[in-house]
Amino acid sequence: MAKRGPAPKFVVRLTPEEGTQLEDMIRTGCAAAYRLLKARILLKADVSPDGPGWDDAQIADALETSPSTVLRTRHQLVEQGLEAALSRKKPATPRPRIFDGEAEAKLIALACSEPPAGHARWSLRLLEKQVVELGIVEATSDTTIHRVLKKNQLKPHQNRYWVIPPKANAAFVAAMEDVLEVYTRPHDPTRPLVCLDETFKQLTRETRTAISARPGRAARFDYEYERAGVASLFMLFAPLEGWRHVAVRARRTAIDYAHVLRDLADIHFPNSEKIALVQDNLNTHHTASLYKAFPPAEARRILERFEWHYTPKHGSWLNIAECELSVLARQCLDRRIPDQATLEAEVVAWTNPRNTARSKTNWHFTTQDARNKLTQLYPQIE
């Protein structure tokens, strides 16, 4: 025989009418689930001559609910009556919002404005102080400020450097549509598309031996390092071929750029009729660099191998080579590399499997997309 719990504090003694009402409710099932559960609790807890008189533990176990729910239902019946016991607890009166619509709008405008003199950015404490001083609210906390900013997806403590394109600029639009037209051409092995971009890598040597990772502990590197110069990387990427080559140079002069182009034409694509070259407007990325590096006849020969296309100024995101440089930076360059020879070896080790797998970039943004989504870039013609 199961051991009964202690005598309940709030005794349920239903009248015959109340018992009939609860049984009818359960039999028909025409009530909310929470009312049916409370009706079953009261019937099981009934200590009248016809009731089972179960204790809280027995009822909670049989109805798969919590003892606190059983106790609360008993309490409501004894203190407030049957209907109150079957009803849900009235919600607590909500506290008035510190930031109503107008005050919240003022806080958002403040967080999006320039911070006060002497401060690089808005902090939660600074915003808390400012909204009180300006009389937006009488009092608040940094926690409340954070909650409002989070709801509005604002992070005033962060900022990002961005290449902002000009508005209503015909030169930008012309260069953009020219590049997008090149990207939509069908694949032609005799006229490959090659995108060129540059970056640099700060070479650094370790001053102390690193500690290898082991289970439960990440690898450890000393914060101190020794600078070992800078190397330039020229990314050549043919997105439709699934081919890329990274030329590592000590500098990024016009001479270096010219030699990279000669290698592209004579070594990497010697049999192509013409190479559609897409690049940005860096000061060395011009045909004049060829004449600085080679005799006129040779410079002209190399120049004629290319079909020249430039991304618009402040629109280098249109260069697919930037996407491949981003992958290179994340997968290969995100660490300390001590010298140029090691950098060259690591870049080759990264490049070879990607070329073997013919990893490509599938560009989707078209001229029509630009005309639909970037209308602010196009001059408005009356």
Protein backbone atom coordinates (compact mmCIF):
# COMPACT_ATOMS: atom_id res chain seq x y z
CA MET A 1 0.00 0.00 0.00
CA ALA A 2 1.44 3.38 -1.01
CA LYS A 3 2.35 5.70 1.80
CA ARG A 4 0.06 8.70 1.95
CA GLY A 5 1.52 12.19 2.24
CA PRO A 6 0.75 14.67 5.01
CA ALA A 7 -2.77 16.01 5.37
CA PRO A 8 -3.34 18.86 2.86
CA LYS A 9 -3.53 22.38 4.23
CA PHE A 10 -6.40 23.39 1.95
CA VAL A 11 -9.10 20.72 2.13
CA VAL A 12 -11.25 20.21 -0.95
CA ARG A 13 -14.86 19.26 -0.12
CA LEU A 14 -17.09 19.50 -3.15
CA THR A 15 -20.89 19.71 -3.04
CA PRO A 16 -22.82 17.18 -5.18
CA GLU A 17 -23.64 19.98 -7.63
CA GLU A 18 -19.98 21.00 -7.96
CA GLY A 19 -18.92 17.38 -8.44
CA THR A 20 -21.55 16.89 -11.16
CA GLN A 21 -20.45 20.11 -12.88
CA LEU A 22 -16.80 19.01 -12.98
CA GLU A 23 -17.65 15.49 -14.17
CA ASP A 24 -19.82 16.88 -16.98
CA MET A 25 -16.99 19.22 -18.02
CA ILE A 26 -14.51 16.32 -18.24
CA ARG A 27 -16.97 14.02 -20.03
CA THR A 28 -17.81 16.51 -22.77
CA GLY A 29 -14.24 17.84 -23.08
CA CYS A 30 -15.64 21.22 -24.16
CA ALA A 31 -13.25 23.35 -22.14
CA ALA A 32 -9.71 24.61 -22.26
CA ALA A 33 -6.99 22.11 -21.34
CA TYR A 34 -6.03 24.01 -18.20
CA ARG A 35 -9.66 23.98 -16.95
CA LEU A 36 -9.93 20.22 -17.57
CA LEU A 37 -6.71 19.63 -15.65
CA LYS A 38 -7.93 21.69 -12.68
CA ALA A 39 -11.29 19.89 -12.75
CA ARG A 40 -9.51 16.52 -12.51
CA ILE A 41 -7.32 17.82 -9.65
CA LEU A 42 -10.37 18.94 -7.66
CA LEU A 43 -12.22 15.66 -8.22
CA LYS A 44 -9.20 13.64 -7.07
CA ALA A 45 -8.69 15.90 -4.03
CA ASP A 46 -12.35 15.80 -2.95
CA VAL A 47 -12.68 14.45 0.64
CA SER A 48 -16.49 14.33 0.63
CA PRO A 49 -18.05 10.87 1.25
CA ASP A 50 -18.11 10.14 -2.49
CA GLY A 51 -14.64 11.57 -3.25
CA PRO A 52 -11.28 9.71 -3.36
CA GLY A 53 -9.47 12.26 -1.17
CA TRP A 54 -6.02 11.81 -2.73
CA ASP A 55 -3.06 13.81 -1.45
CA ASP A 56 -1.00 16.19 -3.60
CA ALA A 57 1.75 13.70 -4.47
CA GLN A 58 -0.74 11.09 -5.67
CA ILE A 59 -2.64 13.62 -7.79
CA ALA A 60 0.54 15.10 -9.32
CA ASP A 61 1.81 11.63 -10.20
CA ALA A 62 -1.49 10.45 -11.70
CA LEU A 63 -2.15 13.60 -13.74
CA GLU A 64 1.50 14.22 -14.67
CA THR A 65 1.56 17.71 -13.26
CA SER A 66 3.49 19.43 -10.47
CA PRO A 67 2.58 19.36 -6.77
CA SER A 68 2.68 23.16 -6.77
CA THR A 69 -0.11 23.23 -9.37
CA VAL A 70 -2.19 20.90 -7.21
CA LEU A 71 -1.58 23.04 -4.11
CA ARG A 72 -2.38 26.26 -5.95
CA THR A 73 -5.66 24.80 -7.25
CA ARG A 74 -6.66 23.73 -3.71
CA HIS A 75 -5.79 27.18 -2.42
CA GLN A 76 -7.86 28.97 -5.07
CA LEU A 77 -10.89 26.78 -4.39
CA VAL A 78 -10.80 27.32 -0.63
CA GLU A 79 -10.04 31.05 -0.78
CA GLN A 80 -11.90 32.19 -3.94
CA GLY A 81 -14.39 29.52 -4.94
CA LEU A 82 -14.83 27.01 -7.77
CA GLU A 83 -14.79 29.38 -10.74
CA ALA A 84 -11.62 31.08 -9.52
CA ALA A 85 -9.97 27.67 -9.08
CA LEU A 86 -10.83 26.72 -12.68
CA SER A 87 -9.63 30.02 -14.11
CA ARG A 88 -6.12 31.09 -14.90
CA LYS A 89 -4.37 33.42 -12.54
CA LYS A 90 -4.87 37.02 -13.55
CA PRO A 91 -1.73 38.48 -15.07
CA ALA A 92 0.17 40.94 -12.95
CA THR A 93 -0.34 44.59 -13.76
CA PRO A 94 2.45 45.49 -16.19
CA ARG A 95 4.90 48.10 -15.06
CA PRO A 96 4.91 51.29 -17.11
CA ARG A 97 7.62 51.34 -19.77
CA ILE A 98 10.57 53.61 -19.10
CA PHE A 99 11.00 54.22 -22.82
CA ASP A 100 7.67 54.75 -24.52
CA GLY A 101 7.47 55.34 -28.26
CA GLU A 102 8.69 58.96 -28.20
CA ALA A 103 11.44 58.38 -25.62
CA GLU A 104 12.63 55.26 -27.44
CA ALA A 105 12.85 57.17 -30.71
CA LYS A 106 14.93 59.87 -29.00
CA LEU A 107 17.26 57.24 -27.51
CA ILE A 108 17.76 55.63 -30.94
CA ALA A 109 18.49 59.01 -32.51
CA LEU A 110 20.98 59.77 -29.74
CA ALA A 111 22.74 56.40 -30.15
CA CYS A 112 23.07 57.03 -33.89
CA SER A 113 24.54 60.52 -33.41
CA GLU A 114 28.13 61.58 -32.84
CA PRO A 115 29.35 60.89 -29.27
CA PRO A 116 30.27 63.83 -27.01
CA ALA A 117 33.69 65.43 -27.27
CA GLY A 118 36.40 63.30 -25.73
CA HIS A 119 34.63 60.01 -26.52
CA ALA A 120 35.32 57.76 -29.50
CA ARG A 121 31.94 56.01 -29.30
CA TRP A 122 28.78 55.73 -27.24
CA SER A 123 28.85 53.35 -24.27
CA LEU A 124 25.82 52.14 -22.31
CA ARG A 125 26.83 54.18 -19.25
CA LEU A 126 27.36 57.28 -21.38
CA LEU A 127 23.92 56.88 -22.99
CA GLU A 128 22.37 56.30 -19.55
CA LYS A 129 23.82 59.55 -18.28
CA GLN A 130 22.94 61.51 -21.41
CA VAL A 131 19.25 60.51 -21.61
CA VAL A 132 18.76 61.69 -18.03
CA GLU A 133 20.63 64.97 -18.56
CA LEU A 134 18.61 65.69 -21.72
CA GLY A 135 15.35 65.00 -19.88
CA ILE A 136 14.34 62.12 -22.14
CA VAL A 137 13.59 60.01 -19.03
CA GLU A 138 13.82 60.77 -15.32
CA ALA A 139 15.92 57.70 -14.48
CA THR A 140 17.04 54.48 -16.15
CA SER A 141 19.81 51.88 -16.09
CA ASP A 142 22.42 50.64 -18.53
CA THR A 143 20.55 47.31 -18.61
CA THR A 144 17.39 49.03 -19.85
CA ILE A 145 19.42 50.97 -22.41
CA HIS A 146 20.98 47.70 -23.64
CA ARG A 147 17.56 46.05 -23.93
CA VAL A 148 16.15 48.88 -26.06
CA LEU A 149 19.22 48.98 -28.32
CA LYS A 150 19.20 45.19 -28.73
CA LYS A 151 15.53 45.24 -29.70
CA ASN A 152 16.33 47.80 -32.40
CA GLN A 153 19.49 45.96 -33.50
CA LEU A 154 21.74 48.91 -32.64
CA LYS A 155 25.38 48.58 -31.60
CA PRO A 156 26.67 52.14 -31.10
CA HIS A 157 29.92 50.85 -29.59
CA GLN A 158 30.83 49.32 -32.96
CA ASN A 159 31.61 50.85 -36.33
CA ARG A 160 32.91 49.54 -39.64
CA TYR A 161 35.05 51.00 -42.35
CA TRP A 162 33.26 50.71 -45.66
CA VAL A 163 33.73 51.72 -49.25
CA ILE A 164 30.78 54.04 -49.77
CA PRO A 165 29.81 54.51 -53.44
CA PRO A 166 28.78 57.96 -54.70
CA LYS A 167 25.15 58.73 -55.47
CA ALA A 168 23.85 59.41 -58.97
CA ASN A 169 27.29 58.92 -60.52
CA ALA A 170 27.41 58.11 -64.22
CA ALA A 171 31.07 57.05 -64.17
CA PHE A 172 30.40 54.55 -61.38
CA VAL A 173 27.40 53.11 -63.20
CA ALA A 174 29.24 52.83 -66.52
CA ALA A 175 32.17 50.93 -64.99
CA MET A 176 29.85 48.72 -62.92
CA GLU A 177 27.71 47.69 -65.89
CA ASP A 178 30.82 47.05 -67.97
CA VAL A 179 32.17 44.59 -65.36
CA LEU A 180 28.79 42.95 -64.88
CA GLU A 181 28.50 42.41 -68.63
CA VAL A 182 31.86 40.61 -68.61
CA TYR A 183 30.69 38.36 -65.77
CA THR A 184 27.61 37.24 -67.70
CA ARG A 185 29.48 36.14 -70.81
CA PRO A 186 29.40 32.41 -71.56
CA HIS A 187 32.58 30.48 -70.81
CA ASP A 188 35.06 30.74 -73.69
CA PRO A 189 38.42 28.95 -73.11
CA THR A 190 40.04 31.05 -75.83
CA ARG A 191 39.06 34.29 -74.05
CA PRO A 192 39.27 33.47 -70.34
CA LEU A 193 38.05 35.84 -67.63
CA VAL A 194 40.75 36.62 -65.04
CA CYS A 195 40.27 38.89 -62.03
CA LEU A 196 43.30 40.52 -60.40
CA ASP A 197 43.60 41.99 -56.92
CA GLU A 198 46.34 42.69 -54.41
CA THR A 199 46.87 42.45 -50.67
CA PHE A 200 49.82 42.35 -48.30
CA LYS A 201 50.97 40.18 -45.43
CA GLN A 202 52.92 41.44 -42.44
CA LEU A 203 55.71 38.90 -41.82
CA THR A 204 56.31 38.15 -38.14
CA ARG A 205 58.61 35.79 -36.29
CA GLU A 206 57.95 34.14 -32.95
CA THR A 207 60.23 35.27 -30.12
CA ARG A 208 59.36 32.27 -27.93
CA THR A 209 58.47 28.69 -28.74
CA ALA A 210 54.71 28.18 -29.00
CA ILE A 211 52.97 25.61 -26.81
CA SER A 212 51.00 23.03 -28.79
CA ALA A 213 47.33 22.37 -28.20
CA ARG A 214 46.18 19.40 -26.19
CA PRO A 215 42.80 18.14 -24.96
CA GLY A 216 41.24 20.80 -22.78
CA ARG A 217 43.77 23.51 -23.69
CA ALA A 218 44.14 25.66 -26.78
CA ALA A 219 47.49 26.30 -28.44
CA ARG A 220 49.39 29.18 -26.85
CA PHE A 221 51.49 31.83 -28.57
CA ASP A 222 53.40 34.57 -26.86
CA TYR A 223 51.96 38.05 -27.43
CA GLU A 224 55.41 39.34 -28.33
CA TYR A 225 56.66 38.89 -31.89
CA GLU A 226 59.37 40.24 -34.18
CA ARG A 227 58.52 42.12 -37.37
CA ALA A 228 60.18 40.69 -40.48
CA GLY A 229 58.95 43.00 -43.24
CA VAL A 230 55.95 42.98 -45.55
CA ALA A 231 55.22 40.85 -48.61
CA SER A 232 52.78 41.69 -51.41
CA LEU A 233 50.42 39.11 -52.88
CA PHE A 234 48.92 39.37 -56.36
CA MET A 235 45.80 37.22 -56.67
CA LEU A 236 45.00 36.02 -60.19
CA PHE A 237 41.65 34.24 -60.27
CA ALA A 238 39.79 32.77 -63.23
CA PRO A 239 36.36 32.05 -61.71
CA LEU A 240 34.97 30.13 -64.69
CA GLU A 241 38.09 27.97 -64.98
CA GLY A 242 38.36 27.20 -61.26
CA TRP A 243 41.98 28.36 -61.41
CA ARG A 244 43.92 30.74 -59.24
CA HIS A 245 47.56 31.77 -58.82
CA VAL A 246 49.07 33.92 -56.08
CA ALA A 247 52.31 35.73 -56.95
CA VAL A 248 54.28 36.66 -53.83
CA ARG A 249 56.53 39.69 -54.23
CA ALA A 250 58.70 41.76 -51.94
CA ARG A 251 57.05 44.96 -53.23
CA ARG A 252 54.01 46.06 -55.20
CA THR A 253 55.54 48.48 -57.71
CA ALA A 254 54.52 49.04 -61.33
CA ILE A 255 57.42 46.77 -62.34
CA ASP A 256 56.09 43.92 -60.17
CA TYR A 257 52.61 44.38 -61.60
CA ALA A 258 53.95 44.34 -65.19
CA HIS A 259 55.84 41.07 -64.61
CA VAL A 260 52.73 39.48 -63.08
CA LEU A 261 50.78 40.36 -66.24
CA ARG A 262 53.51 38.98 -68.52
CA ASP A 263 53.52 35.69 -66.60
CA LEU A 264 49.71 35.58 -66.81
CA ALA A 265 49.78 36.00 -70.59
CA ASP A 266 52.85 33.93 -71.48
CA ILE A 267 52.96 31.19 -68.84
CA HIS A 268 49.47 30.65 -67.43
CA PHE A 269 47.36 31.34 -70.57
CA PRO A 270 49.81 31.22 -73.48
CA ASN A 271 47.27 29.89 -76.02
CA SER A 272 44.42 32.28 -75.33
CA GLU A 273 43.43 34.78 -77.99
CA LYS A 274 42.61 37.46 -75.43
CA ILE A 275 42.33 37.60 -71.64
CA ALA A 276 39.42 39.59 -70.18
CA LEU A 277 41.18 41.25 -67.23
CA VAL A 278 39.07 42.71 -64.40
CA GLN A 279 40.88 44.79 -61.77
CA ASP A 280 40.47 47.84 -59.56
CA ASN A 281 41.89 51.34 -60.05
CA LEU A 282 45.09 50.99 -58.01
CA ASN A 283 47.73 53.46 -59.18
CA THR A 284 49.89 50.73 -60.75
CA HIS A 285 47.04 48.91 -62.52
CA HIS A 286 47.44 50.68 -65.84
CA THR A 287 48.99 50.02 -69.23
CA ALA A 288 51.72 52.55 -68.45
CA SER A 289 53.25 50.05 -66.00
CA LEU A 290 54.11 47.77 -68.92
CA TYR A 291 56.11 50.55 -70.59
CA LYS A 292 57.98 51.13 -67.32
CA ALA A 293 59.06 47.48 -67.21
CA PHE A 294 59.63 46.46 -70.84
CA PRO A 295 60.79 47.89 -74.18
CA PRO A 296 57.94 49.49 -76.20
CA ALA A 297 57.46 46.56 -78.58
CA GLU A 298 57.29 44.03 -75.72
CA ALA A 299 55.02 46.28 -73.67
CA ARG A 300 52.66 46.64 -76.63
CA ARG A 301 52.65 42.91 -77.26
CA ILE A 302 51.63 42.17 -73.69
CA LEU A 303 49.07 44.99 -73.67
CA GLU A 304 47.36 43.56 -76.75
CA ARG A 305 46.89 40.21 -75.01
CA PHE A 306 44.39 41.76 -72.60
CA GLU A 307 40.90 43.18 -72.73
CA TRP A 308 40.99 45.79 -69.96
CA HIS A 309 38.07 46.25 -67.55
CA TYR A 310 38.08 48.29 -64.33
CA THR A 311 35.74 48.17 -61.37
CA PRO A 312 34.36 51.61 -60.50
CA LYS A 313 36.11 53.72 -57.89
CA HIS A 314 34.65 52.88 -54.47
CA GLY A 315 33.24 49.72 -56.07
CA SER A 316 36.04 47.18 -55.68
CA TRP A 317 33.46 44.72 -54.25
CA LEU A 318 32.64 43.99 -57.90
CA ASN A 319 36.02 42.27 -58.30
CA ILE A 320 35.56 38.52 -57.83
CA ALA A 321 39.25 38.24 -56.90
CA GLU A 322 38.35 39.92 -53.60
CA CYS A 323 36.22 36.87 -52.72
CA GLU A 324 39.16 34.54 -53.34
CA LEU A 325 41.51 36.79 -51.34
CA SER A 326 39.06 36.60 -48.46
CA VAL A 327 39.21 32.79 -48.55
CA LEU A 328 43.02 32.92 -48.69
CA ALA A 329 43.15 35.27 -45.70
CA ARG A 330 40.89 33.05 -43.57
CA GLN A 331 42.29 29.66 -44.51
CA CYS A 332 46.00 30.38 -44.96
CA LEU A 333 47.20 33.82 -43.86
CA ASP A 334 45.49 34.10 -40.47
CA ARG A 335 48.66 33.29 -38.46
CA ARG A 336 52.24 34.41 -37.98
CA ILE A 337 54.46 33.68 -40.98
CA PRO A 338 58.17 34.43 -40.50
CA ASP A 339 59.55 35.09 -44.00
CA GLN A 340 58.71 35.35 -47.69
CA ALA A 341 59.97 31.87 -48.55
CA THR A 342 57.65 30.30 -45.99
CA LEU A 343 54.80 32.48 -47.22
CA GLU A 344 55.35 31.33 -50.82
CA ALA A 345 55.40 27.68 -49.77
CA GLU A 346 52.23 28.03 -47.69
CA VAL A 347 50.39 29.85 -50.48
CA VAL A 348 51.33 27.14 -52.99
CA ALA A 349 50.14 24.47 -50.53
CA TRP A 350 46.81 26.32 -50.26
CA THR A 351 46.48 26.97 -54.01
CA ASN A 352 47.20 23.50 -55.41
CA PRO A 353 44.27 21.57 -53.87
CA ARG A 354 41.83 24.36 -54.76
CA ASN A 355 43.01 24.25 -58.38
CA THR A 356 42.81 20.46 -58.39
CA ALA A 357 39.24 20.64 -57.12
CA ARG A 358 38.52 23.44 -59.64
CA SER A 359 36.86 25.54 -56.95
CA LYS A 360 34.83 28.23 -58.73
CA THR A 361 32.78 31.29 -57.90
CA ASN A 362 29.22 31.45 -59.17
CA TRP A 363 28.45 35.15 -59.59
CA HIS A 364 24.70 35.95 -59.48
CA PHE A 365 24.51 39.77 -59.41
CA THR A 366 23.52 41.05 -62.86
CA THR A 367 23.03 44.39 -64.56
CA GLN A 368 19.26 44.09 -64.15
CA ASP A 369 19.74 43.44 -60.42
CA ALA A 370 21.85 46.60 -60.21
CA ARG A 371 19.19 48.66 -61.98
CA ASN A 372 16.50 47.33 -59.64
CA LYS A 373 18.37 47.45 -56.32
CA LEU A 374 20.95 50.23 -56.71
CA THR A 375 18.77 52.96 -58.13
CA GLN A 376 20.48 55.59 -55.98
CA LEU A 377 23.68 55.11 -58.01
CA TYR A 378 22.01 55.97 -61.31
CA PRO A 379 21.59 59.61 -62.42
CA GLN A 380 17.97 60.67 -62.53
CA ILE A 381 17.13 61.81 -66.05
CA GLU A 382 14.24 64.25 -66.33
